[in-house]
């Protein structure tokens, strides 16, 4: 089960230049984006907790992404 609906993912692929998008392509991208988003979120939560906060801020997300991209 996915969290992100099909339509926004289809629009992302179409905005990238595709004329048509199969359901399997949208599902594949959805799974990848959700997996990456969860990974970033988990790291961002750790950063917020380390800073003594319960609230995850944009700076936590950005730093978590940078850390994971290395």
Protein backbone atom coordinates (compact mmCIF):
# COMPACT_ATOMS: atom_id res chain seq x y z
CA UNK A 1 0.00 0.00 0.00
CA UNK A 2 1.29 3.42 -0.90
CA UNK A 3 0.89 6.73 0.86
CA UNK A 4 1.22 9.03 -2.16
CA UNK A 5 -1.76 8.94 -4.59
CA UNK A 6 -1.32 7.94 -8.24
CA UNK A 7 -2.38 11.26 -9.83
CA UNK A 8 0.39 13.49 -8.40
CA UNK A 9 3.04 10.95 -9.37
CA UNK A 10 1.62 10.72 -12.87
CA UNK A 11 1.79 14.54 -13.10
CA UNK A 12 5.44 14.50 -12.00
CA UNK A 13 6.31 12.04 -14.77
CA UNK A 14 4.29 14.02 -17.32
CA UNK A 15 5.98 17.27 -16.22
CA UNK A 16 9.28 15.54 -16.93
CA UNK A 17 8.12 15.13 -20.53
CA UNK A 18 6.26 11.82 -20.79
CA UNK A 19 3.19 11.78 -23.03
CA UNK A 20 1.73 8.68 -21.41
CA UNK A 21 2.39 7.02 -18.06
CA UNK A 22 1.63 3.41 -17.23
CA UNK A 23 0.20 2.56 -13.85
CA UNK A 24 3.19 0.30 -13.16
CA UNK A 25 5.60 3.18 -13.85
CA UNK A 26 3.74 5.47 -11.44
CA UNK A 27 3.65 2.73 -8.80
CA UNK A 28 7.39 2.08 -9.20
CA UNK A 29 8.23 5.77 -8.80
CA UNK A 30 5.84 6.06 -5.85
CA UNK A 31 7.55 3.16 -4.07
CA UNK A 32 10.99 4.68 -4.66
CA UNK A 33 9.96 8.16 -3.51
CA UNK A 34 8.23 6.84 -0.41
CA UNK A 35 11.22 4.67 0.49
CA UNK A 36 13.63 7.58 0.10
CA UNK A 37 11.27 9.92 1.96
CA UNK A 38 11.00 7.51 4.89
CA UNK A 39 14.78 7.14 5.02
CA UNK A 40 15.25 10.92 5.08
CA UNK A 41 12.49 11.29 7.68
CA UNK A 42 14.05 8.72 10.01
CA UNK A 43 17.39 10.53 9.89
CA UNK A 44 15.68 13.90 10.38
CA UNK A 45 13.91 12.57 13.47
CA UNK A 46 17.26 11.48 14.92
CA UNK A 47 18.68 14.96 14.25
CA UNK A 48 15.72 16.67 15.92
CA UNK A 49 15.97 14.38 18.95
CA UNK A 50 19.73 15.00 19.17
CA UNK A 51 18.97 18.74 19.23
CA UNK A 52 16.52 18.16 22.10
CA UNK A 53 13.42 18.75 19.98
CA UNK A 54 10.32 16.72 19.27
CA UNK A 55 9.53 18.83 16.21
CA UNK A 56 11.24 17.98 12.93
CA UNK A 57 12.20 21.17 11.11
CA UNK A 58 13.07 21.85 7.48
CA UNK A 59 16.72 22.14 8.49
CA UNK A 60 16.60 18.56 9.83
CA UNK A 61 15.16 17.29 6.55
CA UNK A 62 17.76 19.17 4.49
CA UNK A 63 20.65 17.99 6.65
CA UNK A 64 19.38 14.40 6.65
CA UNK A 65 19.21 14.47 2.84
CA UNK A 66 22.75 15.81 2.61
CA UNK A 67 23.97 13.13 5.00
CA UNK A 68 22.28 10.34 3.03
CA UNK A 69 23.49 11.63 -0.35
CA UNK A 70 27.14 11.32 0.67
